[in-house]
Amino acid sequence: MSAVPVIDVNGLQKSYSEGLFGTKQFKALKGVTLRVERGEVFGLLGPNGAGKTTLIKVLLGIIRGTGGTAQLLGLPAGSRAARCRVGYLPENLMVPRHHTAVGALKFFGRLSRLDEATINRRSAELLELVGLKGREKELARKYSKGMRQRLGLAQALLHDPDLLILDEPTDGLDPLGRSQIRQILSHLREQGKTIFLNSHILQEVELICDRVAIMAKGQLRGAGRIQELISQFSQSMEARIRLEVNAPQASVEAALGNEFRAVVIPLADGSYCRAEVITPDQASIDRCIDRLRSHKLSIIRLDPHRPTLEQVFLSVVDDGVNAAT
């Protein structure tokens, strides 16, 4: 990786004036510090109002921060030199109603000051890449949302940028379409592109992102590889084990007694059952197993219930909301 990060944000703040006379201040970003390295697919997660859109606007130069710094590719965020090396896919790309896909890419290509030969060559390549070959002469206003997302990705790639900033890139796509977009993003990563994406589909983030950041109430609550975040925040979450026991529900509940918090569900004809037991530590797991064995109950299966990214996300966001109130 290059020594210079592709995105380098340090102590970034953004405040807005509120109230009748603008005397109140709303802090949309509260000292965000973030680095994205070259060749990464980096996911930005957070609920509505977390500050994700504000951060992206600062990176693109649409608005300016009120404190801290933000750089793209070693250049000040928002500078012309930085913007020329960034491709952006907004959540809802607006395409003039009279344009076909080819016409839209010519329009966007001219905005990027590309020559006609480059626009024509890149348009043909990209429309095939995003799966719009054969539909390129249809009016874009007749496209489904998923097709517009594909067209949006093509326009973001048109000028061959070093950094892609994608806002909900798989929104409106069916499972096949999402899989195809993931393949495209993986291909771009192999080419050395850096991808910064904002998505609310956590499963998509888990499948494609190298690292993620979680924001809540204008603050960065955690950043790192997904397994690192799960390990970091699972310490404060209730651990669970899932057991299948060759015994009726009543026998398992009697064996566990009042010492363990458990949900026991009968399976099949009721001759065996599944139990989900909250276990704060390894010693508790050992006691649970010993208790079942002391009652001569046979454990068919035992699985640790590992926290998912969704559970970590909900836990982190909840902590962020509570910390801010």
Protein backbone atom coordinates (compact mmCIF):
# COMPACT_ATOMS: atom_id res chain seq x y z
CA MET A 1 0.00 0.00 0.00
CA SER A 2 1.12 3.59 -0.62
CA ALA A 3 2.39 5.53 2.39
CA VAL A 4 -0.12 8.27 1.54
CA PRO A 5 -3.69 7.15 2.32
CA VAL A 6 -6.33 7.67 -0.37
CA ILE A 7 -8.66 9.23 2.23
CA ASP A 8 -7.13 10.93 5.25
CA VAL A 9 -9.54 12.62 7.65
CA ASN A 10 -8.28 14.06 10.94
CA GLY A 11 -10.51 15.58 13.63
CA LEU A 12 -13.10 16.62 11.04
CA GLN A 13 -15.93 18.75 12.35
CA LYS A 14 -18.99 20.26 10.72
CA SER A 15 -21.51 22.49 12.46
CA TYR A 16 -24.67 24.11 11.16
CA SER A 17 -26.44 27.15 12.57
CA GLU A 18 -30.00 26.57 13.74
CA GLY A 19 -32.80 28.57 15.28
CA LEU A 20 -34.50 31.79 14.29
CA PHE A 21 -31.34 33.89 14.55
CA GLY A 22 -28.86 31.12 13.93
CA THR A 23 -27.66 31.17 17.52
CA LYS A 24 -27.86 27.39 18.02
CA GLN A 25 -25.25 25.03 16.62
CA PHE A 26 -25.95 21.52 15.35
CA LYS A 27 -22.79 19.41 15.17
CA ALA A 28 -23.12 17.01 12.25
CA LEU A 29 -19.51 15.79 12.55
CA LYS A 30 -17.72 15.67 15.88
CA GLY A 31 -14.01 15.16 15.34
CA VAL A 32 -14.04 12.27 12.85
CA THR A 33 -10.65 10.67 12.14
CA LEU A 34 -10.44 8.09 9.37
CA ARG A 35 -7.91 6.59 6.94
CA VAL A 36 -8.61 4.57 3.80
CA GLU A 37 -5.63 2.91 2.12
CA ARG A 38 -5.03 2.41 -1.58
CA GLY A 39 -6.75 -0.64 -3.08
CA GLU A 40 -9.26 -1.09 -0.25
CA VAL A 41 -12.99 -1.52 -0.41
CA PHE A 42 -14.07 0.47 2.63
CA GLY A 43 -17.63 0.47 3.96
CA LEU A 44 -19.27 3.33 5.86
CA LEU A 45 -22.15 2.28 8.12
CA GLY A 46 -24.52 4.23 10.30
CA PRO A 47 -28.21 5.00 10.86
CA ASN A 48 -30.00 8.03 9.43
CA GLY A 49 -28.56 11.17 10.97
CA ALA A 50 -25.20 9.57 11.74
CA GLY A 51 -23.27 12.07 9.61
CA LYS A 52 -22.38 9.76 6.70
CA THR A 53 -23.78 12.05 4.00
CA THR A 54 -22.14 15.09 5.58
CA LEU A 55 -18.78 13.28 5.58
CA ILE A 56 -19.16 12.34 1.90
CA LYS A 57 -20.11 15.93 1.00
CA VAL A 58 -16.98 17.23 2.69
CA LEU A 59 -14.83 14.67 0.86
CA LEU A 60 -16.35 15.72 -2.46
CA GLY A 61 -16.00 19.42 -1.73
CA ILE A 62 -19.76 20.06 -1.81
CA ILE A 63 -19.50 21.58 1.67
CA ARG A 64 -16.57 22.58 3.85
CA GLY A 65 -15.78 21.35 7.32
CA THR A 66 -15.67 23.79 10.22
CA GLY A 67 -12.70 22.12 11.86
CA GLY A 68 -10.07 19.46 11.26
CA THR A 69 -8.73 18.39 7.87
CA ALA A 70 -9.70 16.10 5.00
CA GLN A 71 -7.48 14.98 2.12
CA LEU A 72 -8.02 12.76 -0.91
CA LEU A 73 -4.99 11.18 -2.59
CA GLY A 74 -2.73 13.59 -0.71
CA LEU A 75 -4.69 16.62 -2.00
CA PRO A 76 -7.10 18.90 -0.14
CA ALA A 77 -10.64 17.48 -0.29
CA GLY A 78 -12.74 19.53 -2.68
CA SER A 79 -9.83 20.84 -4.71
CA ARG A 80 -10.10 20.55 -8.49
CA ALA A 81 -7.08 18.24 -8.62
CA ALA A 82 -8.71 15.88 -6.11
CA ARG A 83 -12.15 15.94 -7.74
CA CYS A 84 -10.68 14.98 -11.12
CA ARG A 85 -9.48 11.70 -9.62
CA VAL A 86 -12.78 10.76 -7.93
CA GLY A 87 -15.80 8.98 -9.40
CA TYR A 88 -19.08 9.48 -7.52
CA LEU A 89 -22.33 7.53 -7.62
CA PRO A 90 -25.08 9.34 -5.67
CA GLU A 91 -27.94 7.37 -4.17
CA ASN A 92 -30.39 8.79 -6.72
CA LEU A 93 -28.61 9.71 -9.94
CA MET A 94 -30.52 12.32 -11.92
CA VAL A 95 -30.32 11.72 -15.67
CA PRO A 96 -31.92 14.20 -18.12
CA ARG A 97 -35.20 12.63 -19.28
CA HIS A 98 -34.41 12.80 -22.99
CA HIS A 99 -31.11 10.88 -22.73
CA THR A 100 -30.42 7.28 -23.58
CA ALA A 101 -27.64 5.50 -21.69
CA VAL A 102 -25.20 6.40 -24.48
CA GLY A 103 -26.39 9.99 -24.49
CA ALA A 104 -26.14 10.24 -20.71
CA LEU A 105 -22.55 8.99 -20.73
CA LYS A 106 -21.67 11.54 -23.44
CA PHE A 107 -23.23 14.24 -21.27
CA PHE A 108 -21.30 13.18 -18.17
CA GLY A 109 -18.12 12.62 -20.17
CA ARG A 110 -18.19 16.18 -21.49
CA LEU A 111 -18.66 17.46 -17.94
CA SER A 112 -15.44 15.59 -17.12
CA ARG A 113 -13.79 17.21 -20.17
CA LEU A 114 -13.15 13.93 -21.96
CA ASP A 115 -12.71 13.92 -25.72
CA GLU A 116 -15.30 12.24 -27.97
CA ALA A 117 -13.09 9.28 -28.86
CA THR A 118 -12.45 8.50 -25.19
CA ILE A 119 -16.12 8.89 -24.32
CA ASN A 120 -17.19 6.50 -27.11
CA ARG A 121 -14.56 3.90 -26.25
CA ARG A 122 -15.14 4.01 -22.49
CA SER A 123 -18.94 4.05 -22.90
CA ALA A 124 -18.93 0.83 -24.91
CA GLU A 125 -16.61 -0.88 -22.41
CA LEU A 126 -18.52 0.25 -19.32
CA LEU A 127 -22.03 -0.44 -20.60
CA GLU A 128 -20.95 -4.01 -21.24
CA LEU A 129 -19.24 -4.19 -17.84
CA VAL A 130 -22.36 -3.10 -15.93
CA GLY A 131 -24.73 -5.29 -17.96
CA LEU A 132 -26.49 -2.66 -20.08
CA LYS A 133 -25.21 -3.79 -23.46
CA GLY A 134 -28.21 -4.10 -25.76
CA ARG A 135 -30.21 -1.57 -23.72
CA GLU A 136 -27.92 1.40 -24.31
CA LYS A 137 -30.23 3.11 -26.83
CA GLU A 138 -33.32 3.00 -24.63
CA LEU A 139 -34.40 6.16 -22.85
CA ALA A 140 -32.93 6.21 -19.34
CA ARG A 141 -36.24 7.46 -17.90
CA LYS A 142 -37.75 4.06 -18.72
CA TYR A 143 -35.05 2.21 -16.79
CA SER A 144 -35.82 0.46 -13.54
CA LYS A 145 -34.02 1.73 -10.44
CA GLY A 146 -31.59 -1.16 -10.70
CA MET A 147 -30.76 -0.25 -14.31
CA ARG A 148 -30.26 3.38 -13.29
CA GLN A 149 -27.83 2.21 -10.61
CA ARG A 150 -25.87 0.31 -13.27
CA LEU A 151 -25.81 3.41 -15.47
CA GLY A 152 -24.71 5.46 -12.46
CA LEU A 153 -21.80 3.12 -11.83
CA ALA A 154 -20.78 3.43 -15.49
CA GLN A 155 -20.75 7.25 -15.30
CA ALA A 156 -18.71 7.13 -12.08
CA LEU A 157 -16.08 5.01 -13.87
CA LEU A 158 -16.12 6.94 -17.14
CA HIS A 159 -13.03 9.09 -16.49
CA ASP A 160 -11.07 6.16 -14.98
CA PRO A 161 -10.82 7.57 -11.43
CA ASP A 162 -8.43 6.37 -8.71
CA LEU A 163 -11.13 6.60 -6.02
CA LEU A 164 -14.79 5.61 -6.26
CA ILE A 165 -17.27 7.00 -3.74
CA LEU A 166 -20.49 5.02 -3.99
CA ASP A 167 -23.70 5.82 -2.13
CA GLU A 168 -25.92 2.71 -1.86
CA PRO A 169 -24.51 1.10 -5.04
CA THR A 170 -26.71 -2.03 -4.85
CA ASP A 171 -29.95 -0.28 -3.88
CA GLY A 172 -32.81 -1.42 -6.12
CA LEU A 173 -30.98 -4.45 -7.50
CA ASP A 174 -32.20 -8.03 -7.25
CA PRO A 175 -29.89 -10.70 -5.74
CA LEU A 176 -28.37 -11.49 -9.15
CA GLY A 177 -27.74 -7.80 -9.81
CA ARG A 178 -26.13 -7.32 -6.39
CA SER A 179 -23.88 -10.31 -7.05
CA GLN A 180 -22.83 -8.82 -10.38
CA ILE A 181 -22.03 -5.45 -8.80
CA ARG A 182 -19.93 -7.20 -6.15
CA GLN A 183 -18.00 -8.96 -8.92
CA ILE A 184 -17.41 -5.62 -10.65
CA LEU A 185 -16.17 -4.03 -7.41
CA SER A 186 -13.85 -7.00 -6.79
CA HIS A 187 -12.49 -6.61 -10.33
CA LEU A 188 -11.89 -2.89 -9.75
CA ARG A 189 -10.08 -3.64 -6.49
CA GLU A 190 -7.81 -6.04 -8.36
CA GLN A 191 -7.02 -3.19 -10.75
CA GLY A 192 -5.87 -1.08 -7.79
CA LYS A 193 -8.96 1.11 -7.47
CA THR A 194 -9.98 2.31 -4.03
CA ILE A 195 -13.71 2.09 -3.25
CA PHE A 196 -15.46 3.98 -0.46
CA LEU A 197 -19.08 2.92 -0.18
CA ASN A 198 -22.01 3.83 1.99
CA SER A 199 -24.60 1.07 2.33
CA HIS A 200 -27.36 0.02 4.70
CA ILE A 201 -27.28 -3.58 3.44
CA LEU A 202 -24.97 -5.13 6.03
CA GLN A 203 -24.77 -8.48 4.26
CA GLU A 204 -23.39 -6.72 1.19
CA VAL A 205 -20.81 -4.93 3.30
CA GLU A 206 -19.68 -8.20 4.89
CA LEU A 207 -19.26 -9.82 1.48
CA ILE A 208 -17.26 -7.11 -0.28
CA CYS A 209 -15.57 -4.75 2.19
CA ASP A 210 -12.01 -5.12 3.49
CA ARG A 211 -12.67 -2.73 6.36
CA VAL A 212 -15.66 -0.81 7.71
CA ALA A 213 -16.36 2.20 9.89
CA ILE A 214 -19.46 2.68 12.03
CA MET A 215 -20.79 6.17 12.70
CA ALA A 216 -23.47 7.37 15.12
CA LYS A 217 -24.47 10.91 16.07
CA GLY A 218 -21.60 12.46 14.13
CA GLN A 219 -18.92 10.36 15.78
CA LEU A 220 -16.83 7.45 14.59
CA ARG A 221 -17.70 4.58 16.94
CA GLY A 222 -15.36 1.97 15.48
CA ALA A 223 -13.29 1.13 12.41
CA GLY A 224 -11.37 -1.92 11.25
CA ARG A 225 -11.74 -5.31 9.63
CA ILE A 226 -15.11 -6.90 10.26
CA GLN A 227 -13.73 -9.70 12.44
CA GLU A 228 -11.72 -7.16 14.42
CA LEU A 229 -14.86 -5.12 15.12
CA ILE A 230 -16.81 -8.23 16.08
CA SER A 231 -14.03 -9.28 18.47
CA GLN A 232 -13.72 -5.77 19.88
CA PHE A 233 -17.37 -5.15 20.60
CA SER A 234 -18.52 -8.69 21.34
CA GLN A 235 -16.81 -8.40 24.73
CA SER A 236 -19.63 -6.10 25.85
CA MET A 237 -22.35 -8.26 24.29
CA GLU A 238 -24.04 -11.24 25.87
CA ALA A 239 -22.48 -14.47 24.63
CA ARG A 240 -24.70 -17.44 23.82
CA ILE A 241 -24.37 -21.09 23.05
CA ARG A 242 -26.86 -23.17 21.11
CA LEU A 243 -27.41 -26.77 22.17
CA GLU A 244 -29.39 -29.67 20.82
CA VAL A 245 -30.18 -32.14 23.59
CA ASN A 246 -31.60 -35.64 23.27
CA ALA A 247 -34.25 -35.08 25.93
CA PRO A 248 -37.72 -33.53 26.27
CA GLN A 249 -38.11 -29.81 26.96
CA ALA A 250 -39.19 -30.32 30.57
CA SER A 251 -36.11 -32.43 31.37
CA VAL A 252 -33.73 -29.84 29.95
CA GLU A 253 -35.43 -26.96 31.78
CA ALA A 254 -35.31 -28.92 35.04
CA ALA A 255 -31.60 -29.67 34.57
CA LEU A 256 -30.69 -26.03 33.87
CA GLY A 257 -32.77 -24.78 36.77
CA ASN A 258 -32.66 -21.08 37.68
CA GLU A 259 -28.90 -20.66 37.30
CA PHE A 260 -29.02 -20.17 33.52
CA ARG A 261 -31.01 -17.81 31.32
CA ALA A 262 -32.19 -20.06 28.52
CA VAL A 263 -34.86 -20.50 25.88
CA VAL A 264 -35.74 -24.17 25.29
CA ILE A 265 -37.72 -25.18 22.20
CA PRO A 266 -39.01 -28.72 21.56
CA LEU A 267 -38.12 -30.25 18.17
CA ALA A 268 -39.76 -32.95 16.03
CA ASP A 269 -42.01 -35.10 18.21
CA GLY A 270 -40.78 -33.45 21.43
CA SER A 271 -38.28 -36.21 22.24
CA TYR A 272 -35.38 -33.76 21.89
CA CYS A 273 -35.02 -30.00 21.93
CA ARG A 274 -32.89 -26.96 21.20
CA ALA A 275 -31.70 -24.66 23.96
CA GLU A 276 -30.15 -21.21 23.57
CA VAL A 277 -28.30 -20.35 26.75
CA ILE A 278 -26.79 -16.98 27.71
CA THR A 279 -23.25 -17.65 28.91
CA PRO A 280 -21.20 -14.65 30.12
CA ASP A 281 -17.91 -16.59 30.23
CA GLN A 282 -16.25 -19.96 29.59
CA ALA A 283 -16.79 -21.06 33.19
CA SER A 284 -20.55 -20.63 32.69
CA ILE A 285 -20.41 -22.77 29.54
CA ASP A 286 -18.57 -25.50 31.47
CA ARG A 287 -21.14 -25.41 34.28
CA CYS A 288 -24.01 -25.62 31.80
CA ILE A 289 -22.56 -28.71 30.11
CA ASP A 290 -21.73 -30.32 33.46
CA ARG A 291 -25.27 -29.70 34.69
CA LEU A 292 -26.81 -31.41 31.66
CA ARG A 293 -24.43 -34.35 31.89
CA SER A 294 -25.05 -34.77 35.63
CA HIS A 295 -28.72 -35.27 34.75
CA LYS A 296 -27.65 -37.93 32.21
CA LEU A 297 -28.82 -35.83 29.27
CA SER A 298 -27.06 -36.39 25.94
CA ILE A 299 -25.83 -33.31 24.05
CA ILE A 300 -26.19 -33.93 20.32
CA ARG A 301 -24.74 -30.62 19.17
CA LEU A 302 -23.14 -27.51 20.66
CA ASP A 303 -22.49 -24.31 18.70
CA PRO A 304 -21.13 -21.03 20.00
CA HIS A 305 -23.41 -18.25 18.82
CA ARG A 306 -20.97 -15.72 17.35
CA PRO A 307 -22.13 -12.11 17.04
CA THR A 308 -22.80 -10.93 13.50
CA LEU A 309 -21.88 -7.58 11.98
CA GLU A 310 -25.55 -6.62 12.29
CA GLN A 311 -25.56 -7.33 16.04
CA VAL A 312 -22.32 -5.40 16.51
CA PHE A 313 -23.71 -2.53 14.42
CA LEU A 314 -26.90 -2.35 16.49
CA SER A 315 -24.92 -2.52 19.74
CA VAL A 316 -22.47 0.19 18.66
CA VAL A 317 -25.18 2.49 17.32
CA ASP A 318 -27.25 2.05 20.47
CA ASP A 319 -24.22 2.94 22.60
CA GLY A 320 -23.63 5.99 20.41
CA VAL A 321 -27.21 7.18 20.83
CA ASN A 322 -27.11 6.64 24.58
CA ALA A 323 -23.76 8.41 24.87
CA ALA A 324 -25.13 11.43 23.05
CA THR A 325 -28.34 11.75 25.11
